[in-house]
Protein backbone atom coordinates (compact mmCIF):
# COMPACT_ATOMS: atom_id res chain seq x y z
CA MET A 1 118.29 -68.29 52.44
CA THR A 2 114.79 -67.57 53.79
CA VAL A 3 111.91 -70.06 53.82
CA THR A 4 108.53 -68.44 53.19
CA VAL A 5 105.58 -70.06 54.99
CA VAL A 6 102.16 -69.27 53.50
CA SER A 7 99.99 -67.83 56.28
CA TYR A 8 96.34 -68.22 55.30
CA GLY A 9 94.78 -69.27 58.60
CA VAL A 10 95.53 -73.00 58.36
CA GLY A 11 98.54 -75.02 59.54
CA ASN A 12 101.17 -75.22 62.24
CA ILE A 13 103.13 -72.22 61.02
CA GLY A 14 104.55 -71.36 64.44
CA ALA A 15 105.94 -74.88 64.90
CA LEU A 16 107.61 -74.73 61.49
CA ALA A 17 109.21 -71.38 62.29
CA THR A 18 110.42 -72.68 65.66
CA MET A 19 112.05 -75.73 64.10
CA TYR A 20 113.81 -73.61 61.49
CA LYS A 21 114.95 -71.14 64.17
CA ARG A 22 116.65 -74.00 66.03
CA MET A 23 118.59 -74.72 62.83
CA SER A 24 119.44 -71.01 62.34
CA ILE A 25 117.47 -70.93 59.08
CA ALA A 26 115.45 -67.75 58.50
CA THR A 27 111.70 -67.90 57.91
CA ARG A 28 108.96 -65.41 57.21
CA PHE A 29 105.18 -65.64 56.98
CA ALA A 30 103.61 -64.61 53.66
CA THR A 31 100.24 -62.85 53.73
CA THR A 32 100.43 -60.98 50.41
CA PRO A 33 101.00 -61.92 46.76
CA ALA A 34 104.21 -59.85 46.68
CA GLU A 35 105.72 -61.98 49.45
CA ILE A 36 104.94 -65.08 47.38
CA GLU A 37 106.34 -63.66 44.16
CA ASP A 38 109.80 -62.87 45.57
CA ALA A 39 110.16 -66.04 47.67
CA THR A 40 113.00 -68.51 47.10
CA HIS A 41 111.42 -71.45 49.02
CA ILE A 42 107.72 -71.76 49.88
CA ILE A 43 105.95 -74.00 52.40
CA LEU A 44 102.18 -74.51 52.09
CA PRO A 45 101.01 -75.88 55.46
CA GLY A 46 97.60 -77.36 56.13
CA VAL A 47 95.49 -79.04 58.79
CA GLY A 48 91.79 -79.85 59.03
CA GLY A 49 89.44 -80.32 56.08
CA PHE A 50 90.33 -80.10 52.39
CA ASP A 51 87.50 -77.75 51.40
CA ASP A 52 88.11 -75.38 54.31
CA ALA A 53 91.82 -75.16 53.50
CA MET A 54 91.20 -74.57 49.78
CA ASN A 55 88.51 -71.97 50.47
CA ARG A 56 90.78 -70.12 52.88
CA LEU A 57 93.66 -70.14 50.40
CA ASN A 58 91.40 -68.93 47.59
CA ALA A 59 90.12 -66.12 49.83
CA SER A 60 93.60 -65.11 50.99
CA GLY A 61 94.49 -63.29 47.77
CA MET A 62 97.63 -65.41 47.35
CA ARG A 63 96.23 -68.23 45.19
CA GLU A 64 97.02 -66.62 41.83
CA ALA A 65 100.56 -65.73 42.89
CA LEU A 66 101.15 -69.31 44.07
CA ASP A 67 99.81 -70.71 40.79
CA ALA A 68 102.12 -68.39 38.84
CA VAL A 69 105.20 -69.33 40.88
CA ALA A 70 104.40 -73.04 40.57
CA ALA A 71 103.89 -72.72 36.80
CA ARG A 72 107.29 -71.03 36.33
CA GLY A 73 108.95 -74.00 38.04
CA ARG A 74 111.88 -72.07 39.49
CA VAL A 75 110.97 -72.05 43.20
CA PRO A 76 110.78 -75.18 45.41
CA ILE A 77 107.34 -75.49 47.03
CA LEU A 78 106.53 -77.94 49.85
CA GLY A 79 102.97 -78.85 50.83
CA ILE A 80 102.60 -80.40 54.29
CA CYS A 81 99.71 -82.65 55.45
CA VAL A 82 96.54 -81.11 53.95
CA GLY A 83 98.92 -78.78 52.13
CA MET A 84 100.20 -81.84 50.25
CA GLN A 85 96.65 -83.01 49.52
CA MET A 86 95.85 -79.57 48.10
CA LEU A 87 98.44 -80.20 45.37
CA ALA A 88 96.04 -82.75 43.87
CA GLU A 89 93.15 -82.12 41.50
CA SER A 90 90.38 -83.16 43.89
CA SER A 91 89.59 -84.90 47.17
CA GLU A 92 86.93 -87.35 48.29
CA GLU A 93 86.75 -85.26 51.46
CA GLY A 94 84.96 -82.39 49.74
CA GLN A 95 83.83 -80.63 46.58
CA ALA A 96 86.49 -77.95 46.15
CA ARG A 97 88.98 -78.14 43.31
CA GLY A 98 92.58 -78.61 44.33
CA LEU A 99 95.59 -76.75 43.00
CA ALA A 100 96.18 -79.50 40.39
CA TRP A 101 99.96 -79.05 40.45
CA VAL A 102 100.48 -82.81 40.82
CA PRO A 103 98.06 -84.98 38.78
CA GLY A 104 96.04 -87.20 41.07
CA ARG A 105 93.24 -87.28 43.62
CA VAL A 106 92.92 -87.63 47.37
CA ARG A 107 91.04 -90.70 48.60
CA HIS A 108 89.74 -91.92 51.94
CA PHE A 109 91.64 -94.86 53.40
CA GLU A 110 88.42 -96.88 53.45
CA SER A 111 88.26 -96.56 49.65
CA THR A 112 91.16 -99.01 49.44
CA GLY A 113 89.09 -101.82 51.01
CA ARG A 114 92.20 -102.95 52.91
CA MET A 115 91.73 -101.35 56.33
CA ASP A 116 90.52 -104.53 58.06
CA GLY A 117 89.36 -102.73 61.18
CA LEU A 118 92.41 -100.46 61.51
CA PRO A 119 91.47 -97.26 63.37
CA LEU A 120 91.05 -93.98 61.53
CA PRO A 121 92.50 -91.46 61.41
CA HIS A 122 95.95 -92.93 60.84
CA MET A 123 97.59 -91.28 63.84
CA GLY A 124 101.09 -91.65 65.23
CA TRP A 125 104.56 -92.67 64.09
CA ASN A 126 105.18 -94.63 60.91
CA ASP A 127 108.20 -95.71 58.90
CA VAL A 128 108.71 -93.91 55.59
CA THR A 129 110.49 -95.46 52.61
CA PRO A 130 111.82 -92.87 50.13
CA GLN A 131 112.43 -93.54 46.47
CA PRO A 132 116.14 -93.69 45.51
CA ALA A 133 117.79 -90.27 45.33
CA ALA A 134 114.67 -88.42 46.53
CA PRO A 135 116.21 -85.00 47.39
CA LEU A 136 113.78 -84.22 50.22
CA PHE A 137 114.95 -87.38 52.00
CA ALA A 138 118.73 -87.06 51.60
CA GLY A 139 120.26 -88.73 54.63
CA LEU A 140 116.90 -90.32 55.52
CA GLU A 141 117.15 -93.35 53.27
CA GLN A 142 117.19 -95.75 56.25
CA ASP A 143 114.94 -95.95 59.33
CA ALA A 144 113.16 -92.63 58.80
CA ARG A 145 110.03 -92.18 60.95
CA PHE A 146 107.46 -89.42 60.76
CA TYR A 147 104.35 -88.45 62.70
CA PHE A 148 101.06 -88.75 60.76
CA LEU A 149 97.49 -87.64 61.41
CA HIS A 150 95.13 -88.18 58.46
CA SER A 151 92.23 -90.23 57.09
CA PHE A 152 92.82 -89.38 53.42
CA HIS A 153 95.81 -90.14 51.21
CA PHE A 154 97.19 -88.87 47.90
CA GLU A 155 96.74 -91.20 44.91
CA CYS A 156 99.13 -90.09 42.15
CA GLN A 157 98.06 -90.43 38.53
CA ASP A 158 101.71 -90.97 37.57
CA ALA A 159 103.73 -93.36 39.76
CA ALA A 160 106.84 -91.33 38.94
CA ASP A 161 105.45 -88.57 41.18
CA VAL A 162 105.60 -90.79 44.29
CA ALA A 163 108.66 -89.70 46.30
CA ALA A 164 108.12 -91.88 49.39
CA GLU A 165 105.67 -94.45 50.75
CA ALA A 166 104.47 -95.72 54.12
CA ASN A 167 102.23 -98.61 55.13
CA TYR A 168 98.81 -98.48 56.78
CA GLY A 169 96.44 -101.15 55.54
CA GLY A 170 98.75 -101.32 52.51
CA ARG A 171 101.23 -98.97 50.88
CA PHE A 172 100.21 -95.33 50.53
CA THR A 173 101.95 -92.21 49.23
CA ALA A 174 103.74 -90.43 52.05
CA SER A 175 105.45 -87.86 49.81
CA VAL A 176 105.10 -86.56 46.26
CA ARG A 177 107.45 -84.76 43.95
CA ARG A 178 106.83 -83.28 40.50
CA GLY A 179 109.55 -80.94 39.29
CA CYS A 180 110.11 -78.43 42.07
CA ILE A 181 106.73 -79.20 43.70
CA TYR A 182 107.06 -81.39 46.81
CA GLY A 183 104.59 -82.76 49.32
CA MET A 184 104.87 -84.50 52.70
CA GLN A 185 101.79 -86.13 54.22
CA GLY A 186 103.39 -86.51 57.66
CA HIS A 187 104.20 -83.61 59.95
CA PRO A 188 107.94 -82.83 59.86
CA GLU A 189 107.42 -80.13 62.50
CA LYS A 190 106.33 -82.92 64.89
CA SER A 191 108.87 -85.52 63.79
CA HIS A 192 111.98 -84.73 65.83
CA HIS A 193 115.35 -85.07 64.08
CA TRP A 194 113.85 -86.79 61.02
CA GLY A 195 111.53 -83.84 60.46
CA ALA A 196 114.33 -81.36 61.06
CA ALA A 197 116.47 -83.12 58.45
CA LEU A 198 113.65 -83.02 55.89
CA LEU A 199 112.99 -79.32 56.50
CA ARG A 200 116.71 -78.56 56.25
CA ASN A 201 116.90 -80.50 52.98
CA PHE A 202 114.00 -78.48 51.62
CA SER A 203 115.66 -75.18 52.52
CA GLN A 204 118.74 -76.25 50.51
CA LEU A 205 116.90 -77.37 47.38
CA GLU A 206 117.50 -75.65 44.09
CA ALA A 207 114.84 -75.49 41.39
């Protein structure tokens, strides 16, 4: 099994490859539509701003291939950090349209009105509570902790798409799942054995 990491100029792709190498799981970096179309597992990484990430993906030449693979629903896809936010329809951070694979929008933490002086971005370790039988979190049902760095959070249109939650000024969506589309707001590549377990689980998913 080989995990394909989308290389479009955004995201910690080297850290992801290093973590998979430690687990003896093969990875490759995709830079062409053909490498997307024949992938068995795809990771869409992302850091920085929503609009910049979307614009870079749209300019990469791989957007249409990703949309086609997602629409067929036979290949697990994992968006990480901004890569998860890109799964939404839109973001308060910018004007670009998202991928719209998971109905919802991305909102600033201050939009909740519950921050009460908490610092932003939300940065550091936080407990994550998965939904029962969430496949991405197999073996992580208790005491799972992940590293976060973000000021915006995914607001699902359908609560059934929430795969895990965390708390920062109130509950927020830490992970989404819709069919074979998955997202993780935290950084598994920075989250020690919890992150390694999540990435291993993803590599073993079947559509």
